[in-house]
Structure formats: C-alpha cells, structure tokens
C-alpha cells in the first residue's frame, strides 16, 4: 500500500520571516531546531497527521560541506523559496527500500529543548534531484512525531488541502509512489518541476502557502 502524505517542505530565506507569516495567517509554528552538520534548520507547522516544514539554510559554509545541506542550497538557487519536496509516511519502510532498490537511512535533528528527533528515510537524495519524486519516512518515537499538534491553530487549519506536484508522467509517478496517489496530492502531468503550490484546509477555505 502507498504511504500517506506526511510532509511538505517549503524553502524559505529567513526563519524569522517564516514565523511571522505563520502568525499573521493564524498558524501555530514550532521551532524544529538544527540539522546537525547540514547547516539547515526548520520551523514546523503541525496538523496531527501531516506537517509543513519551513526549511532554511542558517550556516551556508556548513551547508556546503554536507551533501544534504548542498541539496538545499542547490534547490534554493534553482527554484527559489517555495514548495520544494514532499514525503509519504510508510508503515513498512524496509519494503519501500526493497521495492525501489534504495537504502534505508537514519536521520536526526535536535530541537531547541534538546530533544533529539530520529527518523528513517528512503529516497531523500533522489527526491532532491528529481523533486517530482516523493521521499518515504518513518519516525522512531510517535510521541515526538513532528506532525503532532500541541494546540489548535487560531485560523482553524486542519491539514494540507492540496500539494500540487508537476510530474513527467503520471504512470511513472504512481510507480514511484507504489500505488494510488495519496489524499491531497495532485499530480500535474507533463512537467518534472515537483511541488509548485500548496494550500492548507481551513473553515474559511483553502489557505495558500505563500511564504518566502
């Protein structure tokens, strides 16, 4: 079975500006913390099941020394701020790795409170190179899952309404996903641009993710 949409990464130039945008539109935004050795940090907008990750380069020199950090620098240089990558949460990450002939990798980051968040991934590098591809993720501790919401959003947001993804071929994209297209993922055939727009579900209608 294909995974569930769990993450939409939105590249930003400045995390303080990202926090201000979230506050202005009525979203709870949490400091996610640093990615050790990568020169990047994030702000998380959680919705219980999925989340927005507002991701910025905070140490360019460190980012250039890391393959993961360089991927973010390259994406910012090539695409600019905005939706950049998307991920599905899998109940069997090892099976995804076998299906795609890719390794399962260990990742972590350190929250500002010192807590270490650990997760495993498949296909992250491939997703940065070809952003029409999703990555696959699984978390070590469900309690520390970044999508968990500590409080309601002032605007009443309930989740990702849609992430629009440009793909070269819908059949090829479904083969990579491993089945049917997950809820909230909208494929646009004929382009390899990857995610190019995202909206959040609120009682007042879809809220565009427009933060730089």
N, C-alpha and C. Protein backbone atom coordinates (compact mmCIF):
# COMPACT_ATOMS: atom_id res chain seq x y z
N UNK A 1 0.85 -1.20 0.00
CA UNK A 1 0.00 0.00 0.00
C UNK A 1 0.88 1.24 0.00
N UNK A 2 0.51 2.28 -0.77
CA UNK A 2 1.29 3.51 -0.75
C UNK A 2 1.16 4.19 0.60
N UNK A 3 2.13 5.06 0.91
CA UNK A 3 2.10 5.78 2.17
C UNK A 3 1.10 6.93 2.16
N UNK A 4 1.07 7.62 3.29
CA UNK A 4 0.21 8.79 3.47
C UNK A 4 1.06 10.05 3.32
N UNK A 5 0.49 11.10 2.76
CA UNK A 5 1.20 12.37 2.75
C UNK A 5 1.51 12.77 4.18
N UNK A 6 2.77 13.08 4.45
CA UNK A 6 3.14 13.44 5.82
C UNK A 6 3.90 14.76 5.88
N UNK A 7 4.60 15.13 4.82
CA UNK A 7 5.49 16.29 4.89
C UNK A 7 5.47 17.05 3.56
N UNK A 8 5.36 18.36 3.66
CA UNK A 8 5.61 19.24 2.52
C UNK A 8 6.69 20.21 2.96
N UNK A 9 7.84 20.16 2.30
CA UNK A 9 8.94 21.06 2.62
C UNK A 9 8.80 22.33 1.80
N UNK A 10 8.84 23.46 2.50
CA UNK A 10 8.78 24.77 1.86
C UNK A 10 10.08 25.50 2.18
N UNK A 11 10.87 25.80 1.17
CA UNK A 11 12.12 26.51 1.38
C UNK A 11 11.85 27.99 1.65
N UNK A 12 12.55 28.54 2.63
CA UNK A 12 12.41 29.95 2.98
C UNK A 12 13.79 30.57 3.10
N UNK A 13 13.86 31.88 2.91
CA UNK A 13 15.14 32.58 3.06
C UNK A 13 15.46 32.88 4.51
N UNK A 14 14.41 33.04 5.34
CA UNK A 14 14.61 33.51 6.70
C UNK A 14 13.56 32.89 7.62
N UNK A 15 14.00 32.20 8.66
CA UNK A 15 13.06 31.53 9.55
C UNK A 15 12.24 32.52 10.38
N UNK A 16 12.81 33.66 10.73
CA UNK A 16 12.03 34.66 11.47
C UNK A 16 10.87 35.17 10.62
N UNK A 17 11.13 35.41 9.33
CA UNK A 17 10.06 35.83 8.44
C UNK A 17 9.01 34.74 8.29
N UNK A 18 9.46 33.48 8.28
CA UNK A 18 8.51 32.36 8.19
C UNK A 18 7.62 32.30 9.42
N UNK A 19 8.19 32.54 10.60
CA UNK A 19 7.39 32.56 11.83
C UNK A 19 6.36 33.69 11.78
N UNK A 20 6.78 34.86 11.29
CA UNK A 20 5.85 36.00 11.20
C UNK A 20 4.71 35.69 10.25
N UNK A 21 5.03 35.07 9.10
CA UNK A 21 3.97 34.70 8.16
C UNK A 21 2.97 33.77 8.83
N UNK A 22 3.46 32.76 9.53
CA UNK A 22 2.58 31.81 10.19
C UNK A 22 1.67 32.51 11.20
N UNK A 23 2.25 33.40 11.99
CA UNK A 23 1.45 34.11 12.99
C UNK A 23 0.40 34.99 12.32
N UNK A 24 0.76 35.64 11.23
CA UNK A 24 -0.17 36.54 10.54
C UNK A 24 -1.36 35.82 9.96
N UNK A 25 -1.16 34.57 9.51
CA UNK A 25 -2.28 33.83 8.90
C UNK A 25 -2.97 32.90 9.89
N UNK A 26 -2.52 32.91 11.16
CA UNK A 26 -3.20 32.14 12.19
C UNK A 26 -2.77 30.69 12.31
N UNK A 27 -1.49 30.42 12.05
CA UNK A 27 -0.96 29.07 12.18
C UNK A 27 -0.01 28.98 13.36
N UNK A 28 -0.05 27.86 14.08
CA UNK A 28 0.92 27.57 15.12
C UNK A 28 2.20 27.07 14.44
N UNK A 29 3.31 27.73 14.72
CA UNK A 29 4.59 27.34 14.14
C UNK A 29 5.57 27.06 15.27
N UNK A 30 6.20 25.89 15.23
CA UNK A 30 7.09 25.45 16.29
C UNK A 30 8.53 25.42 15.79
N UNK A 31 9.47 25.85 16.62
CA UNK A 31 10.87 25.76 16.24
C UNK A 31 11.27 24.30 16.19
N UNK A 32 11.67 23.85 15.01
CA UNK A 32 12.06 22.45 14.86
C UNK A 32 13.47 22.18 15.30
N UNK A 33 14.36 23.17 15.12
CA UNK A 33 15.75 23.01 15.53
C UNK A 33 16.68 22.78 14.36
N UNK A 34 17.95 22.52 14.70
CA UNK A 34 19.01 22.38 13.72
C UNK A 34 19.16 20.95 13.25
N UNK A 35 19.60 20.81 12.00
CA UNK A 35 20.02 19.53 11.45
C UNK A 35 21.54 19.48 11.59
N UNK A 36 22.05 18.70 12.53
CA UNK A 36 23.50 18.71 12.80
C UNK A 36 24.33 18.39 11.56
N UNK A 37 25.33 19.25 11.32
CA UNK A 37 26.25 19.02 10.22
C UNK A 37 25.74 19.42 8.85
N UNK A 38 24.50 19.89 8.77
CA UNK A 38 23.92 20.20 7.45
C UNK A 38 23.79 21.70 7.19
N UNK A 39 23.89 22.51 8.24
CA UNK A 39 23.76 23.95 8.07
C UNK A 39 22.35 24.43 7.85
N UNK A 40 21.37 23.60 8.17
CA UNK A 40 19.97 23.95 7.97
C UNK A 40 19.21 23.86 9.30
N UNK A 41 18.08 24.54 9.34
CA UNK A 41 17.17 24.49 10.49
C UNK A 41 15.76 24.67 9.97
N UNK A 42 14.77 24.35 10.82
CA UNK A 42 13.40 24.43 10.33
C UNK A 42 12.42 24.94 11.37
N UNK A 43 11.27 25.31 10.87
CA UNK A 43 10.09 25.64 11.66
C UNK A 43 9.00 24.69 11.20
N UNK A 44 8.29 24.10 12.14
CA UNK A 44 7.29 23.08 11.84
C UNK A 44 5.89 23.65 12.06
N UNK A 45 5.00 23.44 11.09
CA UNK A 45 3.58 23.76 11.24
C UNK A 45 2.85 22.42 11.24
N UNK A 46 2.44 21.93 12.43
CA UNK A 46 1.89 20.57 12.53
C UNK A 46 0.37 20.54 12.37
N UNK A 47 -0.13 19.44 11.80
CA UNK A 47 -1.57 19.27 11.60
C UNK A 47 -2.08 17.92 12.12
N UNK A 48 -1.30 17.26 12.98
CA UNK A 48 -1.75 16.00 13.55
C UNK A 48 -1.29 14.79 12.78
N UNK A 49 -1.53 14.79 11.46
CA UNK A 49 -1.13 13.66 10.61
C UNK A 49 -0.01 14.07 9.67
N UNK A 50 -0.11 15.27 9.11
CA UNK A 50 0.95 15.78 8.24
C UNK A 50 1.43 17.13 8.76
N UNK A 51 2.49 17.64 8.15
CA UNK A 51 3.03 18.93 8.60
C UNK A 51 3.73 19.64 7.45
N UNK A 52 3.81 20.97 7.60
CA UNK A 52 4.67 21.78 6.75
C UNK A 52 6.01 21.91 7.44
N UNK A 53 7.07 21.77 6.68
CA UNK A 53 8.41 22.06 7.19
C UNK A 53 8.93 23.28 6.45
N UNK A 54 9.07 24.39 7.18
CA UNK A 54 9.64 25.61 6.62
C UNK A 54 11.14 25.53 6.87
N UNK A 55 11.90 25.36 5.81
CA UNK A 55 13.31 24.98 5.89
C UNK A 55 14.20 26.09 5.34
N UNK A 56 15.25 26.42 6.11
CA UNK A 56 16.17 27.48 5.70
C UNK A 56 17.61 27.04 5.92
N UNK A 57 18.51 27.63 5.15
CA UNK A 57 19.94 27.48 5.38
C UNK A 57 20.35 28.54 6.40
N UNK A 58 20.92 28.10 7.52
CA UNK A 58 21.32 29.03 8.58
C UNK A 58 22.83 29.15 8.69
N UNK A 59 23.56 28.25 8.07
CA UNK A 59 25.03 28.31 8.05
C UNK A 59 25.49 27.84 6.67
N UNK A 60 25.66 28.78 5.73
CA UNK A 60 25.99 28.38 4.35
C UNK A 60 27.27 27.57 4.23
N UNK A 61 28.30 27.93 5.03
CA UNK A 61 29.56 27.18 4.95
C UNK A 61 29.36 25.73 5.37
N UNK A 62 28.63 25.54 6.47
CA UNK A 62 28.35 24.18 6.92
C UNK A 62 27.50 23.44 5.89
N UNK A 63 26.53 24.13 5.30
CA UNK A 63 25.67 23.50 4.30
C UNK A 63 26.49 23.03 3.10
N UNK A 64 27.46 23.85 2.67
CA UNK A 64 28.28 23.48 1.52
C UNK A 64 29.17 22.27 1.81
N UNK A 65 29.44 22.01 3.08
CA UNK A 65 30.30 20.87 3.44
C UNK A 65 29.52 19.57 3.57
N UNK A 66 28.21 19.63 3.40
CA UNK A 66 27.34 18.46 3.59
C UNK A 66 26.55 18.21 2.33
N UNK A 67 26.42 16.94 1.93
CA UNK A 67 25.61 16.61 0.75
C UNK A 67 24.16 17.03 0.97
N UNK A 68 23.65 16.82 2.18
CA UNK A 68 22.26 17.19 2.47
C UNK A 68 22.09 18.70 2.45
N UNK A 69 23.04 19.43 3.04
CA UNK A 69 22.96 20.88 3.01
C UNK A 69 23.12 21.44 1.62
N UNK A 70 24.04 20.86 0.83
CA UNK A 70 24.24 21.33 -0.54
C UNK A 70 22.98 21.13 -1.38
N UNK A 71 22.24 20.06 -1.11
CA UNK A 71 20.99 19.83 -1.84
C UNK A 71 20.00 20.96 -1.61
N UNK A 72 19.95 21.46 -0.38
CA UNK A 72 19.05 22.58 -0.08
C UNK A 72 19.56 23.86 -0.75
N UNK A 73 20.86 24.10 -0.70
CA UNK A 73 21.42 25.26 -1.39
C UNK A 73 21.13 25.21 -2.89
N UNK A 74 21.29 24.04 -3.48
CA UNK A 74 21.03 23.89 -4.92
C UNK A 74 19.55 24.15 -5.24
N UNK A 75 18.67 23.63 -4.38
CA UNK A 75 17.23 23.83 -4.61
C UNK A 75 16.87 25.31 -4.50
N UNK A 76 17.43 26.00 -3.52
CA UNK A 76 17.16 27.44 -3.38
C UNK A 76 17.70 28.21 -4.58
N UNK A 77 18.89 27.83 -5.05
CA UNK A 77 19.47 28.52 -6.20
C UNK A 77 18.68 28.26 -7.47
N UNK A 78 18.19 27.03 -7.62
CA UNK A 78 17.49 26.68 -8.84
C UNK A 78 16.02 27.02 -8.87
N UNK A 79 15.37 26.98 -7.70
CA UNK A 79 13.92 27.15 -7.64
C UNK A 79 13.50 28.39 -6.87
N UNK A 80 14.35 28.82 -5.94
CA UNK A 80 13.99 29.91 -5.06
C UNK A 80 13.09 29.41 -3.93
N UNK A 81 12.64 30.31 -3.07
CA UNK A 81 11.77 29.90 -1.97
C UNK A 81 10.44 29.34 -2.48
N UNK A 82 9.84 28.50 -1.66
CA UNK A 82 8.54 27.92 -2.00
C UNK A 82 8.55 26.41 -1.82
N UNK A 83 7.43 25.74 -2.15
CA UNK A 83 7.38 24.27 -2.03
C UNK A 83 8.50 23.62 -2.83
N UNK A 84 9.19 22.66 -2.19
CA UNK A 84 10.37 22.09 -2.82
C UNK A 84 10.41 20.58 -2.80
N UNK A 85 9.79 19.94 -1.79
CA UNK A 85 9.86 18.50 -1.70
C UNK A 85 8.68 18.00 -0.88
N UNK A 86 8.32 16.71 -1.09
CA UNK A 86 7.18 16.14 -0.38
C UNK A 86 7.51 14.71 0.01
N UNK A 87 6.87 14.23 1.07
CA UNK A 87 7.19 12.90 1.59
C UNK A 87 5.92 12.17 2.00
N UNK A 88 5.99 10.84 1.91
CA UNK A 88 4.94 9.97 2.38
C UNK A 88 5.43 9.22 3.61
N UNK A 89 4.51 8.95 4.54
CA UNK A 89 4.84 8.14 5.71
C UNK A 89 4.45 6.70 5.41
N UNK A 90 5.41 5.80 5.61
CA UNK A 90 5.22 4.40 5.26
C UNK A 90 5.10 3.53 6.50
N UNK A 91 4.24 2.53 6.45
CA UNK A 91 4.14 1.56 7.53
C UNK A 91 5.21 0.47 7.43
N UNK A 92 5.89 0.40 6.29
CA UNK A 92 6.92 -0.62 6.09
C UNK A 92 8.03 -0.01 5.24
N UNK A 93 8.91 0.73 5.91
CA UNK A 93 9.95 1.45 5.18
C UNK A 93 10.93 0.50 4.51
N UNK A 94 11.20 -0.62 5.15
CA UNK A 94 12.11 -1.59 4.54
C UNK A 94 11.56 -2.11 3.22
N UNK A 95 10.25 -2.31 3.16
CA UNK A 95 9.63 -2.76 1.92
C UNK A 95 9.76 -1.70 0.83
N UNK A 96 9.63 -0.44 1.20
CA UNK A 96 9.82 0.64 0.21
C UNK A 96 11.25 0.62 -0.32
N UNK A 97 12.21 0.42 0.58
CA UNK A 97 13.59 0.36 0.16
C UNK A 97 13.85 -0.78 -0.80
N UNK A 98 13.27 -1.95 -0.49
CA UNK A 98 13.46 -3.10 -1.39
C UNK A 98 12.80 -2.83 -2.74
N UNK A 99 11.60 -2.26 -2.71
CA UNK A 99 10.86 -2.01 -3.95
C UNK A 99 11.63 -1.06 -4.86
N UNK A 100 12.27 -0.05 -4.28
CA UNK A 100 12.96 0.97 -5.06
C UNK A 100 14.46 0.68 -5.18
N UNK A 101 14.93 -0.40 -4.55
CA UNK A 101 16.35 -0.75 -4.56
C UNK A 101 17.19 0.39 -4.00
N UNK A 102 16.73 0.96 -2.88
CA UNK A 102 17.40 2.07 -2.23
C UNK A 102 17.60 1.74 -0.75
N UNK A 103 18.64 2.30 -0.12
CA UNK A 103 18.89 2.01 1.29
C UNK A 103 17.93 2.77 2.21
N UNK A 104 17.73 2.21 3.39
CA UNK A 104 17.03 2.92 4.47
C UNK A 104 18.09 3.69 5.26
N UNK A 105 17.92 5.01 5.37
CA UNK A 105 18.91 5.86 6.03
C UNK A 105 18.38 6.38 7.36
N UNK A 106 19.29 6.56 8.32
CA UNK A 106 18.95 7.12 9.62
C UNK A 106 19.18 8.63 9.59
N UNK A 107 18.23 9.40 10.12
CA UNK A 107 18.36 10.85 10.19
C UNK A 107 18.00 11.32 11.60
N UNK A 108 18.45 12.54 11.96
CA UNK A 108 18.04 13.13 13.23
C UNK A 108 18.23 14.63 13.20
N UNK A 109 17.55 15.30 14.10
CA UNK A 109 17.76 16.72 14.35
C UNK A 109 17.56 16.97 15.83
N UNK A 110 18.04 18.13 16.29
CA UNK A 110 17.98 18.47 17.70
C UNK A 110 17.03 19.64 17.89
N UNK A 111 15.96 19.43 18.65
CA UNK A 111 15.02 20.50 18.94
C UNK A 111 15.66 21.53 19.87
N UNK A 112 15.12 22.76 19.89
CA UNK A 112 15.67 23.77 20.81
C UNK A 112 15.64 23.35 22.28
N UNK A 113 14.72 22.44 22.66
CA UNK A 113 14.68 21.98 24.05
C UNK A 113 15.66 20.85 24.32
N UNK A 114 16.47 20.51 23.32
CA UNK A 114 17.47 19.48 23.49
C UNK A 114 17.02 18.09 23.09
N UNK A 115 15.74 17.89 22.86
CA UNK A 115 15.24 16.58 22.46
C UNK A 115 15.77 16.23 21.07
N UNK A 116 16.15 14.99 20.88
CA UNK A 116 16.64 14.51 19.60
C UNK A 116 15.51 13.77 18.89
N UNK A 117 15.17 14.23 17.70
CA UNK A 117 14.14 13.60 16.89
C UNK A 117 14.83 12.69 15.88
N UNK A 118 14.45 11.41 15.87
CA UNK A 118 15.08 10.45 14.97
C UNK A 118 14.04 9.85 14.02
N UNK A 119 14.43 9.69 12.79
CA UNK A 119 13.56 9.07 11.80
C UNK A 119 14.40 8.35 10.77
N UNK A 120 13.74 7.54 9.96
CA UNK A 120 14.41 6.81 8.89
C UNK A 120 13.77 7.23 7.56
N UNK A 121 14.55 7.19 6.51
CA UNK A 121 14.07 7.67 5.21
C UNK A 121 14.53 6.74 4.09
N UNK A 122 13.79 6.80 3.01
CA UNK A 122 14.17 6.18 1.75
C UNK A 122 13.94 7.20 0.65
N UNK A 123 14.92 7.40 -0.21
CA UNK A 123 14.73 8.21 -1.41
C UNK A 123 14.85 9.70 -1.24
N UNK A 124 15.43 10.18 -0.13
CA UNK A 124 15.55 11.63 0.05
C UNK A 124 16.46 12.25 -1.01
N UNK A 125 17.61 11.64 -1.24
CA UNK A 125 18.54 12.20 -2.23
C UNK A 125 17.90 12.23 -3.62
N UNK A 126 17.20 11.16 -3.96
CA UNK A 126 16.54 11.10 -5.27
C UNK A 126 15.45 12.16 -5.38
N UNK A 127 14.77 12.44 -4.26
CA UNK A 127 13.71 13.44 -4.27
C UNK A 127 14.26 14.86 -4.42
N UNK A 128 15.44 15.13 -3.87
CA UNK A 128 16.03 16.45 -4.08
C UNK A 128 16.46 16.62 -5.54
N UNK A 129 17.00 15.58 -6.12
CA UNK A 129 17.47 15.67 -7.52
C UNK A 129 16.28 15.76 -8.48
N UNK A 130 15.27 14.93 -8.27
CA UNK A 130 14.06 14.91 -9.09
C UNK A 130 12.87 15.16 -8.18
N UNK A 131 12.51 16.42 -7.92
CA UNK A 131 11.51 16.71 -6.88
C UNK A 131 10.09 16.27 -7.20
N UNK A 132 9.84 15.74 -8.39
CA UNK A 132 8.53 15.12 -8.63
C UNK A 132 8.42 13.81 -7.85
N UNK A 133 9.56 13.25 -7.46
CA UNK A 133 9.55 12.03 -6.65
C UNK A 133 9.33 12.41 -5.18
N UNK A 134 8.52 11.64 -4.47
CA UNK A 134 8.42 11.80 -3.03
C UNK A 134 9.54 11.03 -2.35
N UNK A 135 9.82 11.39 -1.10
CA UNK A 135 10.63 10.55 -0.23
C UNK A 135 9.68 9.76 0.67
N UNK A 136 10.21 8.77 1.36
CA UNK A 136 9.42 7.95 2.29
C UNK A 136 10.05 8.05 3.67
N UNK A 137 9.20 8.16 4.72
CA UNK A 137 9.69 8.43 6.07
C UNK A 137 8.98 7.56 7.10
N UNK A 138 9.68 7.33 8.22
CA UNK A 138 9.09 6.65 9.37
C UNK A 138 9.80 7.16 10.62
N UNK A 139 9.04 7.43 11.70
CA UNK A 139 9.61 8.02 12.91
C UNK A 139 9.84 6.98 13.99
N UNK A 140 10.92 7.19 14.75
CA UNK A 140 11.28 6.28 15.83
C UNK A 140 10.29 6.37 16.98
N UNK A 141 9.91 7.59 17.37
CA UNK A 141 9.05 7.81 18.54
C UNK A 141 7.78 8.53 18.09
N UNK A 142 6.64 7.84 18.06
CA UNK A 142 5.40 8.50 17.61
C UNK A 142 5.04 9.74 18.43
N UNK A 143 5.42 9.77 19.71
CA UNK A 143 5.10 10.93 20.55
C UNK A 143 5.82 12.18 20.06
N UNK A 144 7.03 12.00 19.53
CA UNK A 144 7.82 13.14 19.04
C UNK A 144 7.66 13.35 17.53
N UNK A 145 6.68 12.71 16.96
CA UNK A 145 6.40 12.90 15.53
C UNK A 145 6.14 14.39 15.29
N UNK A 146 6.79 14.99 14.28
CA UNK A 146 6.65 16.44 14.07
C UNK A 146 5.25 16.90 13.70
N UNK A 147 4.38 15.99 13.28
CA UNK A 147 3.02 16.40 12.92
C UNK A 147 2.11 16.57 14.13
N UNK A 148 2.53 16.07 15.30
CA UNK A 148 1.65 16.13 16.46
C UNK A 148 1.40 17.58 16.86
N UNK A 149 0.15 17.92 17.12
CA UNK A 149 -0.25 19.30 17.38
C UNK A 149 -0.42 19.55 18.87
N UNK A 150 0.32 20.52 19.43
CA UNK A 150 0.17 20.84 20.85
C UNK A 150 -1.06 21.68 21.15
N UNK A 151 -1.57 22.37 20.15
CA UNK A 151 -2.71 23.26 20.35
C UNK A 151 -3.37 23.54 19.00
N UNK A 152 -4.65 23.96 19.01
CA UNK A 152 -5.32 24.25 17.73
C UNK A 152 -4.71 25.49 17.06
N UNK A 153 -4.83 25.52 15.76
CA UNK A 153 -4.40 26.70 15.01
C UNK A 153 -5.47 27.79 15.14
N UNK A 154 -5.09 29.03 15.42
CA UNK A 154 -6.08 30.11 15.53
C UNK A 154 -6.98 30.25 14.31
N UNK A 155 -6.46 29.94 13.13
CA UNK A 155 -7.28 30.05 11.91
C UNK A 155 -8.15 28.83 11.69
N UNK A 156 -8.04 27.81 12.55
CA UNK A 156 -8.85 26.61 12.40
C UNK A 156 -8.30 25.61 11.41
N UNK A 157 -7.06 25.77 10.99
CA UNK A 157 -6.47 24.86 9.99
C UNK A 157 -6.49 23.42 10.47
N UNK A 158 -6.80 22.52 9.55
CA UNK A 158 -6.91 21.10 9.89
C UNK A 158 -5.92 20.21 9.16
N UNK A 159 -5.24 20.72 8.16
CA UNK A 159 -4.29 19.89 7.44
C UNK A 159 -3.97 20.46 6.07
N UNK A 160 -3.21 19.70 5.31
CA UNK A 160 -2.88 20.09 3.95
C UNK A 160 -4.08 19.80 3.05
N UNK A 161 -4.61 20.83 2.42
CA UNK A 161 -5.73 20.63 1.50
C UNK A 161 -5.24 20.03 0.19
N UNK A 162 -4.09 20.54 -0.29
CA UNK A 162 -3.54 20.04 -1.56
C UNK A 162 -2.09 20.44 -1.67
N UNK A 163 -1.30 19.54 -2.26
CA UNK A 163 0.03 19.88 -2.74
C UNK A 163 0.06 19.52 -4.22
N UNK A 164 0.33 20.52 -5.05
CA UNK A 164 0.35 20.35 -6.50
C UNK A 164 1.76 19.99 -6.94
N UNK A 165 1.88 18.86 -7.63
CA UNK A 165 3.19 18.33 -7.99
C UNK A 165 3.27 18.13 -9.49
N UNK A 166 4.22 18.78 -10.12
CA UNK A 166 4.47 18.55 -11.53
C UNK A 166 5.27 17.28 -11.73
N UNK A 167 4.76 16.37 -12.59
CA UNK A 167 5.43 15.09 -12.83
C UNK A 167 5.60 14.88 -14.33
N UNK A 168 6.66 14.21 -14.75
CA UNK A 168 6.85 13.99 -16.19
C UNK A 168 5.82 13.05 -16.78
N UNK A 169 5.34 12.10 -15.98
CA UNK A 169 4.39 11.09 -16.46
C UNK A 169 3.65 10.55 -15.24
N UNK A 170 2.32 10.55 -15.27
CA UNK A 170 1.54 10.13 -14.10
C UNK A 170 1.77 8.67 -13.77
N UNK A 171 1.89 7.81 -14.78
CA UNK A 171 2.14 6.40 -14.53
C UNK A 171 3.49 6.17 -13.87
N UNK A 172 4.48 6.90 -14.32
CA UNK A 172 5.81 6.79 -13.72
C UNK A 172 5.78 7.28 -12.26
N UNK A 173 5.03 8.34 -12.02
CA UNK A 173 4.91 8.85 -10.66
C UNK A 173 4.21 7.85 -9.75
N UNK A 174 3.13 7.24 -10.23
CA UNK A 174 2.42 6.25 -9.42
C UNK A 174 3.30 5.03 -9.15
N UNK A 175 4.13 4.66 -10.12
CA UNK A 175 5.04 3.54 -9.90
C UNK A 175 6.04 3.86 -8.80
N UNK A 176 6.53 5.10 -8.78
CA UNK A 176 7.45 5.50 -7.71
C UNK A 176 6.72 5.51 -6.36
N UNK A 177 5.51 6.04 -6.33
CA UNK A 177 4.72 6.09 -5.10
C UNK A 177 4.42 4.69 -4.60
N UNK A 178 4.18 3.77 -5.50
CA UNK A 178 3.89 2.40 -5.12
C UNK A 178 2.42 2.06 -5.13
N UNK A 179 1.61 2.87 -5.80
CA UNK A 179 0.17 2.60 -5.85
C UNK A 179 -0.60 3.87 -6.15
N UNK A 180 -1.80 3.95 -5.60
CA UNK A 180 -2.67 5.10 -5.86
C UNK A 180 -2.07 6.38 -5.27
N UNK A 181 -2.43 7.48 -5.89
CA UNK A 181 -1.94 8.78 -5.42
C UNK A 181 -2.60 9.09 -4.07
N UNK A 182 -1.82 9.42 -3.04
CA UNK A 182 -2.40 9.68 -1.72
C UNK A 182 -3.30 10.91 -1.69
N UNK A 183 -4.15 10.95 -0.69
CA UNK A 183 -5.03 12.10 -0.46
C UNK A 183 -4.21 13.39 -0.43
N UNK A 184 -4.76 14.42 -1.01
CA UNK A 184 -4.21 15.78 -1.01
C UNK A 184 -3.07 15.98 -2.01
N UNK A 185 -2.60 14.91 -2.65
CA UNK A 185 -1.56 15.05 -3.66
C UNK A 185 -2.21 15.14 -5.02
N UNK A 186 -1.92 16.22 -5.74
CA UNK A 186 -2.50 16.46 -7.06
C UNK A 186 -1.36 16.44 -8.07
N UNK A 187 -1.37 15.47 -8.97
CA UNK A 187 -0.32 15.36 -9.97
C UNK A 187 -0.69 16.15 -11.22
N UNK A 188 0.29 16.87 -11.76
CA UNK A 188 0.12 17.63 -12.99
C UNK A 188 1.10 17.06 -14.01
N UNK A 189 0.58 16.33 -14.97
CA UNK A 189 1.42 15.59 -15.91
C UNK A 189 2.06 16.52 -16.93
N UNK A 190 3.28 16.16 -17.35
CA UNK A 190 3.95 16.90 -18.41
C UNK A 190 5.01 17.84 -17.92
N UNK A 191 5.36 17.76 -16.64
CA UNK A 191 6.39 18.62 -16.08
C UNK A 191 7.14 17.83 -15.03
N UNK A 192 8.41 18.17 -14.83
CA UNK A 192 9.20 17.50 -13.80
C UNK A 192 9.54 18.46 -12.68
N UNK A 193 8.73 19.49 -12.50
CA UNK A 193 9.07 20.55 -11.57
C UNK A 193 8.90 20.16 -10.11
N UNK A 194 8.18 19.08 -9.83
CA UNK A 194 7.92 18.72 -8.45
C UNK A 194 6.87 19.63 -7.84
N UNK A 195 6.82 19.72 -6.50
CA UNK A 195 5.78 20.54 -5.86
C UNK A 195 5.94 22.01 -6.21
N UNK A 196 4.86 22.63 -6.64
CA UNK A 196 4.94 24.04 -7.01
C UNK A 196 3.89 24.90 -6.31
N UNK A 197 2.98 24.27 -5.59
CA UNK A 197 1.97 25.03 -4.83
C UNK A 197 1.43 24.12 -3.74
N UNK A 198 0.99 24.75 -2.65
CA UNK A 198 0.36 24.00 -1.56
C UNK A 198 -0.67 24.89 -0.90
N UNK A 199 -1.75 24.28 -0.43
CA UNK A 199 -2.79 25.01 0.31
C UNK A 199 -3.12 24.24 1.57
N UNK A 200 -3.60 24.98 2.57
CA UNK A 200 -3.97 24.43 3.87
C UNK A 200 -5.48 24.52 4.03
N UNK A 201 -6.08 23.46 4.54
CA UNK A 201 -7.53 23.44 4.75
C UNK A 201 -7.90 24.24 6.01
N UNK A 202 -8.83 25.19 5.85
CA UNK A 202 -9.34 25.96 6.98
C UNK A 202 -10.86 26.07 6.84
N UNK A 203 -11.56 26.45 7.91
CA UNK A 203 -13.02 26.64 7.80
C UNK A 203 -13.43 27.70 6.79
N UNK A 204 -12.54 28.63 6.49
CA UNK A 204 -12.83 29.70 5.55
C UNK A 204 -12.36 29.38 4.13
N UNK A 205 -11.93 28.16 3.90
CA UNK A 205 -11.48 27.77 2.58
C UNK A 205 -9.98 27.57 2.56
N UNK A 206 -9.44 27.13 1.41
CA UNK A 206 -8.00 26.84 1.32
C UNK A 206 -7.15 28.08 1.56
N UNK A 207 -6.10 27.91 2.35
CA UNK A 207 -5.14 28.98 2.64
C UNK A 207 -3.88 28.70 1.86
N UNK A 208 -3.50 29.56 0.90
CA UNK A 208 -2.28 29.31 0.13
C UNK A 208 -1.04 29.42 1.01
N UNK A 209 -0.08 28.54 0.76
CA UNK A 209 1.22 28.63 1.43
C UNK A 209 2.07 29.57 0.60
N UNK A 210 2.19 30.79 1.07
CA UNK A 210 2.93 31.83 0.33
C UNK A 210 3.87 32.52 1.31
N UNK A 211 5.00 31.88 1.54
CA UNK A 211 5.98 32.39 2.49
C UNK A 211 7.34 32.36 1.82
N UNK A 212 8.12 33.40 1.99
CA UNK A 212 9.48 33.43 1.44
C UNK A 212 10.47 33.86 2.49
